[in-house]
Amino acid sequence: MKGRALAGASETFERAENDFYATDPKSLEDFIKLFDLSDCKIFYEPACGMGHLSEVLKKTYPDSKVYSTDLIERGYGKGGIDFLKANYKVRFDCILTNPPFVLAKEFIEKSLKLSDKYVIMFLKIQFLEGKSRKDFLEQTPLKYVYIFSERQQPMRNGENINPNTGKKWCSTMCFAWFVWEIGYKGEPIIRWI
């Protein structure tokens, strides 16, 4: 196995355009079976892609409002919105997304300023690595890291089938839902899905 594959990268594909690796809706469905968000009445999904996560939130919490935007117009939510640059006049109970990994820290920082209850991000477990991330995370109200016990299959460019194999995409990376609870002061708690 070559280094790119060991690091979780594809040896046959370049990175997806705009780092668009959509989250399988089942990844969120499995998480919210364990983490109740019914006290949230206003959700925001700022990297909504094709609506995979937003639709799960709408179906699971039909009495809540779900705002959905994305930098790129993908036919769902409101496109052309740069979450990191936009000014917001509203507050949200929960900001939940799968951010572009290269901008994950910035998405977390902005979300923590806009949320009254939770910031929830679908990230590679390796987000925990590194001295600068350690220093950053210790200054945030990170309460839970829900690690998947099975490999998750992010959907390259929003497509759940690999055109070369006709099968679902496969990944060597480990993913988790990171949960920040506004006001939490303590050590992060590890849980499994």
N, C-alpha and C. Protein backbone atom coordinates (compact mmCIF):
# COMPACT_ATOMS: atom_id res chain seq x y z
N MET A 1 0.86 -1.18 0.00
CA MET A 1 0.00 0.00 0.00
C MET A 1 0.89 1.23 0.00
N LYS A 2 0.60 2.18 -0.87
CA LYS A 2 1.40 3.40 -0.97
C LYS A 2 1.00 4.40 0.10
N GLY A 3 1.90 5.39 0.30
CA GLY A 3 1.68 6.40 1.33
C GLY A 3 0.37 7.13 1.22
N ARG A 4 -0.05 7.49 -0.02
CA ARG A 4 -1.33 8.20 -0.19
C ARG A 4 -2.48 7.37 0.34
N ALA A 5 -2.46 6.06 0.05
CA ALA A 5 -3.54 5.18 0.51
C ALA A 5 -3.50 5.02 2.02
N LEU A 6 -2.30 4.91 2.57
CA LEU A 6 -2.19 4.79 4.03
C LEU A 6 -2.73 6.02 4.74
N ALA A 7 -2.59 7.17 4.09
CA ALA A 7 -3.08 8.41 4.68
C ALA A 7 -4.56 8.63 4.41
N GLY A 8 -5.18 7.69 3.68
CA GLY A 8 -6.61 7.81 3.41
C GLY A 8 -6.94 8.44 2.09
N ALA A 9 -5.94 8.75 1.27
CA ALA A 9 -6.19 9.38 -0.02
C ALA A 9 -6.31 8.32 -1.11
N SER A 10 -7.03 8.66 -2.13
CA SER A 10 -7.20 7.76 -3.27
C SER A 10 -5.97 7.80 -4.16
N GLU A 11 -5.56 6.64 -4.64
CA GLU A 11 -4.44 6.58 -5.57
C GLU A 11 -4.91 6.78 -7.00
N THR A 12 -6.18 6.68 -7.27
CA THR A 12 -6.69 6.78 -8.63
C THR A 12 -7.48 8.07 -8.88
N PHE A 13 -7.84 8.82 -7.85
CA PHE A 13 -8.62 10.04 -8.00
C PHE A 13 -7.89 11.21 -7.35
N GLU A 14 -7.99 12.36 -7.99
CA GLU A 14 -7.53 13.59 -7.35
C GLU A 14 -8.58 13.97 -6.30
N ARG A 15 -8.26 14.96 -5.45
CA ARG A 15 -9.23 15.41 -4.46
C ARG A 15 -10.49 15.89 -5.16
N ALA A 16 -11.62 15.71 -4.49
CA ALA A 16 -12.90 16.16 -5.04
C ALA A 16 -12.89 17.68 -5.19
N GLU A 17 -13.57 18.15 -6.21
CA GLU A 17 -13.63 19.58 -6.46
C GLU A 17 -14.22 20.30 -5.25
N ASN A 18 -13.56 21.38 -4.82
CA ASN A 18 -13.98 22.16 -3.65
C ASN A 18 -14.05 21.32 -2.38
N ASP A 19 -13.29 20.23 -2.35
CA ASP A 19 -13.23 19.37 -1.16
C ASP A 19 -14.62 18.84 -0.78
N PHE A 20 -15.43 18.53 -1.80
CA PHE A 20 -16.81 18.11 -1.55
C PHE A 20 -16.91 16.60 -1.36
N TYR A 21 -16.93 16.22 -0.08
CA TYR A 21 -17.13 14.83 0.31
C TYR A 21 -18.36 14.81 1.20
N ALA A 22 -19.50 14.51 0.61
CA ALA A 22 -20.77 14.55 1.35
C ALA A 22 -20.83 13.43 2.38
N THR A 23 -21.57 13.67 3.44
CA THR A 23 -21.74 12.69 4.50
C THR A 23 -22.95 11.81 4.19
N ASP A 24 -22.76 10.52 4.31
CA ASP A 24 -23.87 9.59 4.15
C ASP A 24 -24.92 9.92 5.22
N PRO A 25 -26.18 10.11 4.84
CA PRO A 25 -27.21 10.43 5.84
C PRO A 25 -27.25 9.44 7.01
N LYS A 26 -26.92 8.19 6.76
CA LYS A 26 -26.93 7.19 7.83
C LYS A 26 -25.93 7.54 8.94
N SER A 27 -24.84 8.22 8.59
CA SER A 27 -23.86 8.63 9.60
C SER A 27 -24.49 9.58 10.62
N LEU A 28 -25.38 10.47 10.15
CA LEU A 28 -26.08 11.37 11.07
C LEU A 28 -27.22 10.64 11.77
N GLU A 29 -27.93 9.81 11.05
CA GLU A 29 -29.03 9.05 11.68
C GLU A 29 -28.51 8.22 12.85
N ASP A 30 -27.37 7.56 12.66
CA ASP A 30 -26.79 6.74 13.73
C ASP A 30 -26.38 7.60 14.93
N PHE A 31 -25.84 8.78 14.65
CA PHE A 31 -25.41 9.67 15.73
C PHE A 31 -26.60 10.18 16.54
N ILE A 32 -27.66 10.65 15.86
CA ILE A 32 -28.76 11.24 16.62
C ILE A 32 -29.64 10.20 17.31
N LYS A 33 -29.41 8.94 17.06
CA LYS A 33 -30.04 7.91 17.89
C LYS A 33 -29.42 7.91 19.28
N LEU A 34 -28.18 8.39 19.38
CA LEU A 34 -27.45 8.40 20.65
C LEU A 34 -27.38 9.79 21.28
N PHE A 35 -27.56 10.83 20.49
CA PHE A 35 -27.42 12.19 20.99
C PHE A 35 -28.68 12.98 20.62
N ASP A 36 -29.50 13.23 21.60
CA ASP A 36 -30.80 13.86 21.38
C ASP A 36 -30.65 15.37 21.15
N LEU A 37 -31.17 15.82 20.03
CA LEU A 37 -31.14 17.24 19.70
C LEU A 37 -32.54 17.85 19.66
N SER A 38 -33.49 17.20 20.30
CA SER A 38 -34.87 17.66 20.23
C SER A 38 -35.08 19.01 20.92
N ASP A 39 -34.13 19.44 21.75
CA ASP A 39 -34.26 20.76 22.38
C ASP A 39 -33.81 21.88 21.45
N CYS A 40 -33.34 21.55 20.27
CA CYS A 40 -32.89 22.55 19.29
C CYS A 40 -34.04 22.90 18.35
N LYS A 41 -34.35 24.15 18.27
CA LYS A 41 -35.44 24.61 17.41
C LYS A 41 -34.94 25.30 16.15
N ILE A 42 -33.66 25.72 16.15
CA ILE A 42 -33.08 26.37 14.97
C ILE A 42 -31.73 25.73 14.69
N PHE A 43 -31.67 24.98 13.57
CA PHE A 43 -30.43 24.35 13.11
C PHE A 43 -29.86 25.16 11.95
N TYR A 44 -28.55 25.08 11.82
CA TYR A 44 -27.90 25.67 10.65
C TYR A 44 -26.87 24.70 10.11
N GLU A 45 -26.96 24.40 8.82
CA GLU A 45 -26.01 23.55 8.11
C GLU A 45 -25.30 24.43 7.08
N PRO A 46 -24.09 24.97 7.42
CA PRO A 46 -23.44 25.97 6.56
C PRO A 46 -22.62 25.42 5.40
N ALA A 47 -22.51 24.11 5.28
CA ALA A 47 -21.83 23.48 4.14
C ALA A 47 -22.74 22.35 3.66
N CYS A 48 -23.95 22.74 3.26
CA CYS A 48 -25.04 21.77 3.07
C CYS A 48 -24.89 20.88 1.85
N GLY A 49 -24.04 21.25 0.91
CA GLY A 49 -23.88 20.40 -0.27
C GLY A 49 -25.21 20.15 -0.96
N MET A 50 -25.57 18.88 -1.06
CA MET A 50 -26.82 18.49 -1.72
C MET A 50 -27.92 18.19 -0.70
N GLY A 51 -27.70 18.56 0.55
CA GLY A 51 -28.75 18.44 1.56
C GLY A 51 -28.80 17.12 2.31
N HIS A 52 -27.75 16.32 2.22
CA HIS A 52 -27.77 15.01 2.87
C HIS A 52 -28.04 15.11 4.38
N LEU A 53 -27.36 16.03 5.06
CA LEU A 53 -27.55 16.18 6.52
C LEU A 53 -28.80 16.99 6.84
N SER A 54 -29.03 18.05 6.09
CA SER A 54 -30.21 18.90 6.34
C SER A 54 -31.50 18.11 6.25
N GLU A 55 -31.58 17.21 5.28
CA GLU A 55 -32.80 16.42 5.13
C GLU A 55 -33.02 15.48 6.32
N VAL A 56 -31.95 14.94 6.88
CA VAL A 56 -32.09 14.10 8.08
C VAL A 56 -32.61 14.95 9.23
N LEU A 57 -32.07 16.15 9.40
CA LEU A 57 -32.53 17.03 10.47
C LEU A 57 -34.00 17.40 10.29
N LYS A 58 -34.41 17.72 9.07
CA LYS A 58 -35.80 18.09 8.80
C LYS A 58 -36.75 16.92 9.10
N LYS A 59 -36.34 15.73 8.72
CA LYS A 59 -37.18 14.55 8.93
C LYS A 59 -37.26 14.18 10.42
N THR A 60 -36.13 14.28 11.11
CA THR A 60 -36.08 13.88 12.52
C THR A 60 -36.70 14.92 13.44
N TYR A 61 -36.54 16.20 13.11
CA TYR A 61 -37.04 17.29 13.95
C TYR A 61 -37.96 18.19 13.12
N PRO A 62 -39.15 17.69 12.74
CA PRO A 62 -40.02 18.43 11.82
C PRO A 62 -40.54 19.76 12.37
N ASP A 63 -40.51 19.94 13.68
CA ASP A 63 -40.99 21.19 14.26
C ASP A 63 -39.88 22.24 14.37
N SER A 64 -38.68 21.90 13.94
CA SER A 64 -37.54 22.82 14.01
C SER A 64 -37.29 23.44 12.65
N LYS A 65 -36.64 24.58 12.65
CA LYS A 65 -36.23 25.26 11.42
C LYS A 65 -34.81 24.81 11.09
N VAL A 66 -34.57 24.48 9.82
CA VAL A 66 -33.23 24.08 9.38
C VAL A 66 -32.80 25.03 8.26
N TYR A 67 -31.80 25.86 8.53
CA TYR A 67 -31.22 26.73 7.52
C TYR A 67 -30.09 25.98 6.84
N SER A 68 -30.02 26.08 5.52
CA SER A 68 -29.01 25.35 4.75
C SER A 68 -28.38 26.26 3.71
N THR A 69 -27.06 26.41 3.79
CA THR A 69 -26.33 27.22 2.82
C THR A 69 -25.06 26.49 2.41
N ASP A 70 -24.46 26.96 1.31
CA ASP A 70 -23.19 26.41 0.85
C ASP A 70 -22.48 27.47 0.02
N LEU A 71 -21.19 27.41 0.00
CA LEU A 71 -20.40 28.31 -0.83
C LEU A 71 -20.69 28.07 -2.31
N ILE A 72 -20.90 26.80 -2.66
CA ILE A 72 -21.15 26.41 -4.04
C ILE A 72 -22.65 26.12 -4.22
N GLU A 73 -23.19 26.55 -5.35
CA GLU A 73 -24.60 26.25 -5.66
C GLU A 73 -24.67 24.79 -6.12
N ARG A 74 -25.35 23.95 -5.35
CA ARG A 74 -25.48 22.54 -5.68
C ARG A 74 -26.94 22.11 -5.82
N GLY A 75 -27.84 23.10 -5.90
CA GLY A 75 -29.25 22.77 -6.08
C GLY A 75 -29.99 22.49 -4.79
N TYR A 76 -29.37 22.80 -3.66
CA TYR A 76 -30.03 22.61 -2.37
C TYR A 76 -29.67 23.80 -1.48
N GLY A 77 -30.62 24.24 -0.69
CA GLY A 77 -30.38 25.37 0.20
C GLY A 77 -30.05 26.62 -0.61
N LYS A 78 -29.31 27.52 0.02
CA LYS A 78 -28.93 28.76 -0.65
C LYS A 78 -27.44 28.71 -0.96
N GLY A 79 -27.10 28.72 -2.24
CA GLY A 79 -25.71 28.69 -2.66
C GLY A 79 -25.09 30.08 -2.68
N GLY A 80 -23.77 30.12 -2.82
CA GLY A 80 -23.06 31.39 -2.90
C GLY A 80 -22.85 32.06 -1.56
N ILE A 81 -23.04 31.35 -0.47
CA ILE A 81 -22.87 31.92 0.87
C ILE A 81 -21.56 31.43 1.46
N ASP A 82 -20.64 32.33 1.69
CA ASP A 82 -19.36 32.00 2.33
C ASP A 82 -19.56 32.10 3.84
N PHE A 83 -19.72 30.97 4.47
CA PHE A 83 -20.00 30.93 5.91
C PHE A 83 -18.98 31.73 6.71
N LEU A 84 -17.72 31.64 6.33
CA LEU A 84 -16.67 32.29 7.11
C LEU A 84 -16.65 33.80 6.95
N LYS A 85 -17.25 34.32 5.88
CA LYS A 85 -17.25 35.77 5.64
C LYS A 85 -18.60 36.43 5.88
N ALA A 86 -19.66 35.66 5.88
CA ALA A 86 -21.01 36.22 6.01
C ALA A 86 -21.25 36.79 7.41
N ASN A 87 -22.07 37.83 7.45
CA ASN A 87 -22.50 38.41 8.73
C ASN A 87 -23.89 37.88 9.05
N TYR A 88 -24.08 37.46 10.27
CA TYR A 88 -25.34 36.85 10.67
C TYR A 88 -25.99 37.70 11.75
N LYS A 89 -27.31 37.90 11.61
CA LYS A 89 -28.06 38.66 12.60
C LYS A 89 -28.89 37.75 13.49
N VAL A 90 -28.84 36.45 13.20
CA VAL A 90 -29.62 35.49 13.99
C VAL A 90 -28.66 34.56 14.73
N ARG A 91 -29.18 33.93 15.75
CA ARG A 91 -28.44 32.92 16.53
C ARG A 91 -29.06 31.57 16.23
N PHE A 92 -28.30 30.53 16.44
CA PHE A 92 -28.76 29.18 16.16
C PHE A 92 -28.62 28.33 17.41
N ASP A 93 -29.50 27.36 17.57
CA ASP A 93 -29.37 26.42 18.68
C ASP A 93 -28.26 25.41 18.39
N CYS A 94 -28.15 25.02 17.13
CA CYS A 94 -27.17 24.00 16.75
C CYS A 94 -26.66 24.26 15.34
N ILE A 95 -25.35 24.32 15.22
CA ILE A 95 -24.72 24.36 13.90
C ILE A 95 -24.07 23.01 13.70
N LEU A 96 -24.50 22.32 12.65
CA LEU A 96 -24.06 20.96 12.39
C LEU A 96 -23.65 20.85 10.93
N THR A 97 -22.43 20.35 10.68
CA THR A 97 -21.97 20.24 9.30
C THR A 97 -20.78 19.31 9.18
N ASN A 98 -20.46 19.00 7.94
CA ASN A 98 -19.22 18.34 7.55
C ASN A 98 -18.44 19.40 6.80
N PRO A 99 -17.54 20.12 7.49
CA PRO A 99 -16.86 21.24 6.82
C PRO A 99 -15.74 20.74 5.91
N PRO A 100 -15.31 21.58 4.98
CA PRO A 100 -14.08 21.23 4.25
C PRO A 100 -12.97 21.04 5.29
N PHE A 101 -12.27 19.91 5.24
CA PHE A 101 -11.32 19.59 6.31
C PHE A 101 -10.27 20.67 6.49
N VAL A 102 -9.82 21.26 5.40
CA VAL A 102 -8.77 22.27 5.48
C VAL A 102 -9.25 23.52 6.22
N LEU A 103 -10.57 23.72 6.30
CA LEU A 103 -11.14 24.89 6.98
C LEU A 103 -11.90 24.52 8.26
N ALA A 104 -11.71 23.31 8.75
CA ALA A 104 -12.48 22.84 9.90
C ALA A 104 -12.30 23.74 11.12
N LYS A 105 -11.09 24.11 11.44
CA LYS A 105 -10.84 24.97 12.61
C LYS A 105 -11.58 26.29 12.48
N GLU A 106 -11.53 26.89 11.30
CA GLU A 106 -12.21 28.16 11.07
C GLU A 106 -13.72 28.00 11.17
N PHE A 107 -14.26 26.89 10.66
CA PHE A 107 -15.70 26.63 10.77
C PHE A 107 -16.09 26.49 12.25
N ILE A 108 -15.28 25.82 13.02
CA ILE A 108 -15.57 25.64 14.45
C ILE A 108 -15.57 26.99 15.17
N GLU A 109 -14.53 27.77 14.92
CA GLU A 109 -14.42 29.08 15.58
C GLU A 109 -15.63 29.96 15.27
N LYS A 110 -16.01 30.03 14.00
CA LYS A 110 -17.16 30.87 13.62
C LYS A 110 -18.45 30.31 14.24
N SER A 111 -18.61 28.99 14.19
CA SER A 111 -19.82 28.36 14.72
C SER A 111 -19.98 28.61 16.21
N LEU A 112 -18.87 28.57 16.95
CA LEU A 112 -18.94 28.81 18.39
C LEU A 112 -19.41 30.22 18.72
N LYS A 113 -19.23 31.15 17.79
CA LYS A 113 -19.69 32.52 18.00
C LYS A 113 -21.18 32.69 17.68
N LEU A 114 -21.74 31.74 16.91
CA LEU A 114 -23.12 31.89 16.43
C LEU A 114 -24.12 30.94 17.10
N SER A 115 -23.63 29.96 17.85
CA SER A 115 -24.52 28.95 18.41
C SER A 115 -24.77 29.18 19.90
N ASP A 116 -26.00 28.91 20.31
CA ASP A 116 -26.36 29.03 21.72
C ASP A 116 -26.29 27.71 22.47
N LYS A 117 -26.26 26.58 21.75
CA LYS A 117 -26.26 25.28 22.43
C LYS A 117 -25.14 24.36 21.97
N TYR A 118 -25.15 24.02 20.67
CA TYR A 118 -24.20 23.02 20.18
C TYR A 118 -23.55 23.43 18.88
N VAL A 119 -22.31 22.98 18.72
CA VAL A 119 -21.61 22.97 17.43
C VAL A 119 -21.21 21.51 17.23
N ILE A 120 -21.64 20.94 16.11
CA ILE A 120 -21.40 19.52 15.85
C ILE A 120 -20.79 19.39 14.47
N MET A 121 -19.60 18.78 14.42
CA MET A 121 -18.86 18.64 13.16
C MET A 121 -18.51 17.19 12.89
N PHE A 122 -18.69 16.77 11.65
CA PHE A 122 -18.27 15.45 11.17
C PHE A 122 -16.85 15.62 10.65
N LEU A 123 -15.89 15.01 11.36
CA LEU A 123 -14.48 15.21 11.05
C LEU A 123 -13.71 13.90 11.10
N LYS A 124 -12.58 13.90 10.41
CA LYS A 124 -11.66 12.79 10.55
C LYS A 124 -11.12 12.81 11.98
N ILE A 125 -10.91 11.63 12.54
CA ILE A 125 -10.41 11.55 13.92
C ILE A 125 -9.05 12.23 14.04
N GLN A 126 -8.32 12.31 12.94
CA GLN A 126 -7.00 12.94 12.98
C GLN A 126 -7.09 14.43 13.28
N PHE A 127 -8.31 14.99 13.32
CA PHE A 127 -8.44 16.39 13.72
C PHE A 127 -7.91 16.60 15.13
N LEU A 128 -7.84 15.54 15.92
CA LEU A 128 -7.33 15.64 17.29
C LEU A 128 -5.81 15.77 17.32
N GLU A 129 -5.14 15.45 16.21
CA GLU A 129 -3.68 15.44 16.19
C GLU A 129 -3.09 16.83 16.05
N GLY A 130 -1.88 16.97 16.56
CA GLY A 130 -1.10 18.18 16.36
C GLY A 130 -1.11 19.11 17.55
N LYS A 131 0.05 19.73 17.80
CA LYS A 131 0.18 20.63 18.95
C LYS A 131 -0.74 21.85 18.84
N SER A 132 -0.79 22.46 17.65
CA SER A 132 -1.63 23.66 17.53
C SER A 132 -3.11 23.31 17.69
N ARG A 133 -3.53 22.14 17.19
CA ARG A 133 -4.93 21.73 17.39
C ARG A 133 -5.17 21.41 18.85
N LYS A 134 -4.21 20.77 19.51
CA LYS A 134 -4.36 20.48 20.94
C LYS A 134 -4.58 21.79 21.69
N ASP A 135 -3.73 22.77 21.43
CA ASP A 135 -3.86 24.07 22.11
C ASP A 135 -5.22 24.71 21.80
N PHE A 136 -5.65 24.63 20.55
CA PHE A 136 -6.95 25.18 20.15
C PHE A 136 -8.09 24.45 20.87
N LEU A 137 -8.10 23.12 20.79
CA LEU A 137 -9.20 22.34 21.35
C LEU A 137 -9.31 22.50 22.86
N GLU A 138 -8.19 22.67 23.54
CA GLU A 138 -8.24 22.86 24.99
C GLU A 138 -8.90 24.17 25.39
N GLN A 139 -9.00 25.09 24.45
CA GLN A 139 -9.64 26.38 24.73
C GLN A 139 -11.11 26.42 24.31
N THR A 140 -11.63 25.30 23.85
CA THR A 140 -13.02 25.24 23.38
C THR A 140 -13.85 24.34 24.28
N PRO A 141 -15.18 24.48 24.21
CA PRO A 141 -16.05 23.62 25.04
C PRO A 141 -16.35 22.27 24.37
N LEU A 142 -15.29 21.59 23.87
CA LEU A 142 -15.47 20.28 23.26
C LEU A 142 -15.89 19.30 24.35
N LYS A 143 -17.11 18.77 24.23
CA LYS A 143 -17.63 17.87 25.27
C LYS A 143 -17.56 16.40 24.88
N TYR A 144 -17.90 16.09 23.63
CA TYR A 144 -17.92 14.68 23.20
C TYR A 144 -17.20 14.50 21.88
N VAL A 145 -16.63 13.32 21.72
CA VAL A 145 -16.16 12.85 20.42
C VAL A 145 -16.79 11.47 20.25
N TYR A 146 -17.75 11.39 19.33
CA TYR A 146 -18.45 10.13 19.04
C TYR A 146 -17.75 9.46 17.86
N ILE A 147 -16.97 8.44 18.15
CA ILE A 147 -16.17 7.76 17.13
C ILE A 147 -16.96 6.61 16.53
N PHE A 148 -16.92 6.52 15.22
CA PHE A 148 -17.59 5.42 14.53
C PHE A 148 -16.78 4.14 14.69
N SER A 149 -17.44 3.07 15.07
CA SER A 149 -16.77 1.77 15.20
C SER A 149 -16.66 1.08 13.84
N GLU A 150 -17.37 1.57 12.84
CA GLU A 150 -17.25 1.06 11.48
C GLU A 150 -16.84 2.21 10.57
N ARG A 151 -16.13 1.89 9.51
CA ARG A 151 -15.69 2.90 8.56
C ARG A 151 -16.91 3.56 7.91
N GLN A 152 -16.83 4.87 7.80
CA GLN A 152 -17.87 5.64 7.13
C GLN A 152 -17.45 5.86 5.69
N GLN A 153 -18.40 6.06 4.83
CA GLN A 153 -18.12 6.17 3.40
C GLN A 153 -18.54 7.55 2.87
N PRO A 154 -17.70 8.58 3.04
CA PRO A 154 -18.06 9.88 2.48
C PRO A 154 -18.27 9.77 0.96
N MET A 155 -19.18 10.58 0.47
CA MET A 155 -19.57 10.50 -0.94
C MET A 155 -18.85 11.57 -1.74
N ARG A 156 -17.93 11.14 -2.57
CA ARG A 156 -17.12 12.03 -3.40
C ARG A 156 -18.03 12.82 -4.34
N ASN A 157 -17.93 14.16 -4.28
CA ASN A 157 -18.77 15.05 -5.08
C ASN A 157 -20.26 14.75 -4.92
N GLY A 158 -20.65 14.25 -3.75
CA GLY A 158 -22.05 13.99 -3.45
C GLY A 158 -22.59 12.70 -4.01
N GLU A 159 -21.78 11.95 -4.73
CA GLU A 159 -22.22 10.69 -5.35
C GLU A 159 -21.85 9.53 -4.44
N ASN A 160 -22.81 8.63 -4.20
CA ASN A 160 -22.52 7.54 -3.27
C ASN A 160 -21.93 6.30 -3.96
N ILE A 161 -21.83 6.32 -5.29
CA ILE A 161 -21.28 5.18 -6.02
C ILE A 161 -19.99 5.58 -6.74
N ASN A 162 -18.96 4.77 -6.59
CA ASN A 162 -17.69 4.95 -7.28
C ASN A 162 -17.88 4.54 -8.75
N PRO A 163 -17.67 5.45 -9.70
CA PRO A 163 -17.91 5.11 -11.11
C PRO A 163 -16.97 4.02 -11.64
N ASN A 164 -15.83 3.83 -11.01
CA ASN A 164 -14.89 2.80 -11.46
C ASN A 164 -15.30 1.40 -11.04
N THR A 165 -16.00 1.29 -9.90
CA THR A 165 -16.33 -0.04 -9.37
C THR A 165 -17.82 -0.33 -9.38
N GLY A 166 -18.64 0.72 -9.45
CA GLY A 166 -20.08 0.53 -9.35
C GLY A 166 -20.53 0.23 -7.93
N LYS A 167 -19.63 0.40 -6.97
CA LYS A 167 -19.94 0.13 -5.56
C LYS A 167 -19.82 1.43 -4.78
N LYS A 168 -20.27 1.38 -3.50
CA LYS A 168 -20.12 2.54 -2.62
C LYS A 168 -18.63 2.85 -2.47
N TRP A 169 -18.36 4.13 -2.26
CA TRP A 169 -16.99 4.54 -1.99
C TRP A 169 -16.51 3.85 -0.72
N CYS A 170 -15.23 3.58 -0.63
CA CYS A 170 -14.69 3.05 0.62
C CYS A 170 -13.57 3.96 1.10
N SER A 171 -13.34 3.92 2.37
CA SER A 171 -12.38 4.83 2.97
C SER A 171 -11.54 4.09 4.01
N THR A 172 -10.29 4.50 4.13
CA THR A 172 -9.44 3.96 5.18
C THR A 172 -9.39 4.90 6.39
N MET A 173 -10.14 5.99 6.33
CA MET A 173 -10.11 6.98 7.40
C MET A 173 -11.17 6.69 8.47
N CYS A 174 -10.84 7.10 9.67
CA CYS A 174 -11.78 6.97 10.79
C CYS A 174 -12.44 8.34 11.01
N PHE A 175 -13.76 8.34 11.12
CA PHE A 175 -14.51 9.59 11.31
C PHE A 175 -15.19 9.60 12.67
N ALA A 176 -15.54 10.80 13.10
CA ALA A 176 -16.25 10.97 14.37
C ALA A 176 -17.10 12.22 14.29
N TRP A 177 -18.13 12.26 15.13
CA TRP A 177 -18.89 13.49 15.35
C TRP A 177 -18.27 14.17 16.56
N PHE A 178 -17.81 15.40 16.38
CA PHE A 178 -17.25 16.21 17.46
C PHE A 178 -18.37 17.13 17.94
N VAL A 179 -18.61 17.14 19.24
CA VAL A 179 -19.72 17.92 19.80
C VAL A 179 -19.19 18.94 20.80
N TRP A 180 -19.38 20.21 20.47
CA TRP A 180 -19.08 21.30 21.40
C TRP A 180 -20.39 21.73 22.05
N GLU A 181 -20.40 21.82 23.36
CA GLU A 181 -21.58 22.28 24.09
C GLU A 181 -21.24 23.63 24.71
N ILE A 182 -21.97 24.65 24.30
CA ILE A 182 -21.67 26.00 24.75
C ILE A 182 -21.74 26.06 26.28
N GLY A 183 -20.67 26.57 26.89
CA GLY A 183 -20.61 26.69 28.34
C GLY A 183 -19.96 25.50 29.04
N TYR A 184 -19.69 24.41 28.31
CA TYR A 184 -19.10 23.23 28.94
C TYR A 184 -17.66 23.53 29.36
N LYS A 185 -17.33 23.09 30.58
CA LYS A 185 -15.97 23.25 31.08
C LYS A 185 -15.53 21.91 31.65
N GLY A 186 -14.77 21.19 30.93
CA GLY A 186 -14.31 19.88 31.39
C GLY A 186 -13.55 19.18 30.28
N GLU A 187 -13.13 17.97 30.58
CA GLU A 187 -12.41 17.16 29.61
C GLU A 187 -13.38 16.57 28.59
N PRO A 188 -12.94 16.39 27.35
CA PRO A 188 -13.80 15.73 26.37
C PRO A 188 -14.08 14.29 26.76
N ILE A 189 -15.27 13.83 26.41
CA ILE A 189 -15.71 12.47 26.71
C ILE A 189 -15.75 11.71 25.39
N ILE A 190 -15.14 10.53 25.39
CA ILE A 190 -15.13 9.69 24.19
C ILE A 190 -16.29 8.71 24.26
N ARG A 191 -17.02 8.64 23.16
CA ARG A 191 -18.12 7.66 23.03
C ARG A 191 -18.02 7.01 21.65
N TRP A 192 -18.67 5.87 21.51
CA TRP A 192 -18.63 5.16 20.25
C TRP A 192 -20.02 5.01 19.64
N ILE A 193 -20.04 4.98 18.32
CA ILE A 193 -21.27 4.74 17.57
C ILE A 193 -21.15 3.37 16.95
